[in-house]
Amino acid sequence: MGLQRNSFQLEKSGPGEFSRILDLKHLPTHKRFKVKSTASELECAALSRRFNILNISDLKVDLNISYEDQESQVHVSGILQADIEQQCVISLEPVKGHVESAFSFRCLPKSILDKMDEEAYEDEIIEPIVDGKVDLGEVISQLLALELDPYPKARNAALKGENIDFGLNEIQKNRQKPFENLSHLLKSSPK
């Protein structure tokens, strides 16, 4: 069965700033579908406060959701997009940017996750399904946080003294290489 577009919507209630609850009880009858979701201005402002950045706007996500059955796993993939504004770590000027990131993760019932060895899924994102629900918006929020530049820098921002030579170049030139003495031995030994 192909990917279907439909009127299925994620619930917008929950504890997070950008909560989008996927309730497995209300999934459409087909196994694969697309959902688009856009954050409101209030949700963007709340996420900006949470991540301690100046602004997030135009946060939207296109999701491809597929599931095996209502008791089993859900696979979510998609594209996250947002315009962001952070503060330069040097000049404190606003630094505008755009985030566009593809992602993929699975959702499994918490009872199954509790029985799994963590090493079995350490290289992938797996979210727990609790009481038949998973907050996809919270996962998206966390993925957005991972995409933010931890040290945003304005184009012409520079620290005073950034180009000062502390003599490190001279030290590096004079540093003895670990196998330098061995090369002398190899050259002087008979063949």
Protein backbone atom coordinates (compact mmCIF):
# COMPACT_ATOMS: atom_id res chain seq x y z
CA MET A 1 0.00 0.00 0.00
CA GLY A 2 1.45 3.39 -0.98
CA LEU A 3 1.94 6.46 1.12
CA GLN A 4 -1.38 8.22 1.60
CA ARG A 5 -2.22 11.86 2.26
CA ASN A 6 -5.22 12.26 4.46
CA SER A 7 -6.96 14.42 6.99
CA PHE A 8 -5.44 12.57 9.94
CA GLN A 9 -4.15 15.08 12.50
CA LEU A 10 -1.93 14.77 15.52
CA GLU A 11 -3.44 15.95 18.81
CA LYS A 12 -2.07 19.34 19.84
CA SER A 13 -2.44 18.85 23.58
CA GLY A 14 0.30 17.78 25.91
CA PRO A 15 2.88 19.06 28.35
CA GLY A 16 5.52 20.19 25.83
CA GLU A 17 6.00 23.49 24.03
CA PHE A 18 5.38 21.80 20.66
CA SER A 19 3.26 18.84 21.60
CA ARG A 20 1.94 16.61 18.83
CA ILE A 21 0.45 13.43 20.27
CA LEU A 22 0.16 10.35 18.08
CA ASP A 23 -2.62 8.22 19.56
CA LEU A 24 -2.37 4.69 18.19
CA LYS A 25 -6.08 4.11 18.88
CA HIS A 26 -7.01 6.75 16.30
CA LEU A 27 -4.67 5.76 13.50
CA PRO A 28 -6.28 5.49 10.07
CA THR A 29 -6.91 2.07 8.63
CA HIS A 30 -4.07 2.20 6.10
CA LYS A 31 -0.55 1.39 7.26
CA ARG A 32 1.40 4.38 5.87
CA PHE A 33 0.47 8.04 5.80
CA LYS A 34 1.82 11.59 5.72
CA VAL A 35 1.20 14.33 8.24
CA LYS A 36 2.28 17.96 8.08
CA SER A 37 2.46 20.09 11.18
CA THR A 38 3.41 23.71 11.78
CA ALA A 39 4.17 25.34 15.11
CA SER A 40 2.16 28.38 16.12
CA GLU A 41 3.84 31.66 17.06
CA LEU A 42 3.22 30.87 20.74
CA GLU A 43 4.80 27.42 20.38
CA CYS A 44 7.83 28.91 18.59
CA ALA A 45 8.22 31.53 21.33
CA ALA A 46 8.02 28.84 24.02
CA LEU A 47 10.68 26.76 22.24
CA SER A 48 12.89 29.85 21.91
CA ARG A 49 12.70 30.32 25.68
CA ARG A 50 13.35 26.64 26.31
CA PHE A 51 16.48 26.60 24.13
CA ASN A 52 17.56 30.06 25.30
CA ILE A 53 17.82 31.51 21.82
CA LEU A 54 16.47 34.78 20.42
CA ASN A 55 13.82 33.43 18.07
CA ILE A 56 12.38 30.41 16.28
CA SER A 57 9.92 30.98 13.47
CA ASP A 58 8.27 29.04 10.68
CA LEU A 59 8.85 25.68 12.38
CA LYS A 60 7.29 22.99 10.27
CA VAL A 61 7.65 19.28 9.88
CA ASP A 62 6.62 16.81 7.18
CA LEU A 63 6.18 13.35 8.66
CA ASN A 64 5.95 9.93 7.03
CA ILE A 65 4.43 7.53 9.53
CA SER A 66 4.09 3.78 9.13
CA TYR A 67 3.12 1.12 11.61
CA GLU A 68 2.91 -2.62 11.84
CA ASP A 69 -0.20 -2.78 13.98
CA GLN A 70 -1.67 -0.88 16.91
CA GLU A 71 0.23 -2.96 19.47
CA SER A 72 3.62 -2.91 17.77
CA GLN A 73 6.11 -0.42 16.40
CA VAL A 74 5.73 2.87 14.58
CA HIS A 75 8.38 4.22 12.21
CA VAL A 76 8.57 7.99 11.72
CA SER A 77 10.74 9.79 9.19
CA GLY A 78 10.58 13.26 7.80
CA ILE A 79 12.04 16.71 7.35
CA LEU A 80 12.23 19.40 10.01
CA GLN A 81 12.54 23.05 8.95
CA ALA A 82 12.79 26.24 10.99
CA ASP A 83 14.18 29.74 10.81
CA ILE A 84 16.23 30.57 13.89
CA GLU A 85 17.95 33.55 15.40
CA GLN A 86 20.69 33.07 17.97
CA GLN A 87 23.01 35.43 19.79
CA CYS A 88 26.64 35.63 18.64
CA VAL A 89 28.92 34.28 21.37
CA ILE A 90 31.46 37.06 20.68
CA SER A 91 29.61 40.25 19.78
CA LEU A 92 26.13 39.32 21.12
CA GLU A 93 24.67 40.40 17.75
CA PRO A 94 21.73 38.42 16.35
CA VAL A 95 22.78 35.60 14.00
CA LYS A 96 20.05 34.35 11.67
CA GLY A 97 20.03 30.84 10.34
CA HIS A 98 17.90 28.14 8.81
CA VAL A 99 17.59 24.56 9.98
CA GLU A 100 16.60 21.82 7.56
CA SER A 101 17.18 18.31 8.74
CA ALA A 102 16.04 14.85 7.72
CA PHE A 103 15.39 12.41 10.54
CA SER A 104 14.14 8.93 11.29
CA PHE A 105 13.16 7.16 14.49
CA ARG A 106 11.08 4.29 15.80
CA CYS A 107 8.49 4.15 18.54
CA LEU A 108 8.04 0.98 20.56
CA PRO A 109 5.80 0.15 23.50
CA LYS A 110 7.54 0.95 26.77
CA SER A 111 7.01 -2.65 27.95
CA ILE A 112 9.10 -3.91 24.99
CA LEU A 113 11.76 -1.22 25.45
CA ASP A 114 12.17 -2.12 29.11
CA LYS A 115 13.03 -5.70 28.11
CA MET A 116 15.52 -4.71 25.37
CA ASP A 117 19.24 -4.44 25.91
CA GLU A 118 20.26 -0.78 25.45
CA GLU A 119 23.20 -1.79 23.26
CA ALA A 120 20.74 -3.31 20.78
CA TYR A 121 19.48 0.15 19.84
CA GLU A 122 22.23 2.55 20.90
CA ASP A 123 22.78 3.87 17.36
CA GLU A 124 19.16 4.77 16.66
CA ILE A 125 16.48 6.91 18.21
CA ILE A 126 13.70 4.90 19.81
CA GLU A 127 10.87 6.62 21.65
CA PRO A 128 8.58 4.84 24.10
CA ILE A 129 4.88 4.42 23.41
CA VAL A 130 3.13 4.94 26.76
CA ASP A 131 -0.57 4.13 27.14
CA GLY A 132 -0.86 3.85 23.34
CA LYS A 133 0.49 7.38 22.75
CA VAL A 134 3.76 9.05 21.81
CA ASP A 135 4.48 12.79 21.69
CA LEU A 136 6.09 13.26 18.28
CA GLY A 137 6.30 17.01 18.87
CA GLU A 138 8.63 16.53 21.82
CA VAL A 139 10.90 14.31 19.72
CA ILE A 140 10.89 16.97 16.97
CA SER A 141 11.72 19.64 19.58
CA GLN A 142 14.71 17.63 20.78
CA LEU A 143 15.89 17.05 17.20
CA LEU A 144 15.67 20.81 16.59
CA ALA A 145 17.79 21.45 19.70
CA LEU A 146 20.47 19.12 18.33
CA GLU A 147 20.60 21.14 15.10
CA LEU A 148 21.29 24.48 16.84
CA ASP A 149 24.82 25.85 16.60
CA PRO A 150 26.23 25.75 20.15
CA TYR A 151 28.62 28.64 19.35
CA PRO A 152 26.91 30.92 16.82
CA LYS A 153 29.26 33.54 15.45
CA ALA A 154 28.40 36.67 13.45
CA ARG A 155 30.29 37.02 10.16
CA ASN A 156 32.75 39.71 11.20
CA ALA A 157 32.89 38.98 14.90
CA ALA A 158 36.37 38.44 16.30
CA LEU A 159 37.81 38.22 19.77
CA LYS A 160 40.36 40.83 20.70
CA GLY A 161 43.73 39.17 20.43
CA GLU A 162 42.33 36.32 18.32
CA ASN A 163 45.31 36.50 15.96
CA ILE A 164 48.02 36.79 18.62
CA ASP A 165 50.88 34.32 18.24
CA PHE A 166 51.73 32.92 21.66
CA GLY A 167 54.85 31.22 20.33
CA LEU A 168 53.02 27.95 19.69
CA ASN A 169 54.10 27.84 16.05
CA GLU A 170 57.77 27.93 17.08
CA ILE A 171 57.22 25.26 19.71
CA GLN A 172 55.53 23.01 17.13
CA LYS A 173 58.47 23.44 14.71
CA ASN A 174 61.03 22.49 17.37
CA ARG A 175 59.02 19.61 18.83
CA GLN A 176 60.82 16.29 18.40
CA LYS A 177 58.86 13.73 16.48
CA PRO A 178 58.47 10.40 18.30
CA PHE A 179 60.07 8.20 15.62
CA GLU A 180 62.74 10.65 14.52
CA ASN A 181 65.52 8.77 16.35
CA LEU A 182 64.43 5.48 14.81
CA SER A 183 64.79 6.88 11.31
CA HIS A 184 68.46 7.71 12.08
CA LEU A 185 69.01 4.10 13.18
CA LEU A 186 67.44 2.74 10.01
CA LYS A 187 69.65 4.92 7.83
CA SER A 188 72.87 3.92 9.62
CA SER A 189 72.18 0.16 9.80
CA PRO A 190 73.73 -2.15 7.13
CA LYS A 191 71.32 -3.72 4.66
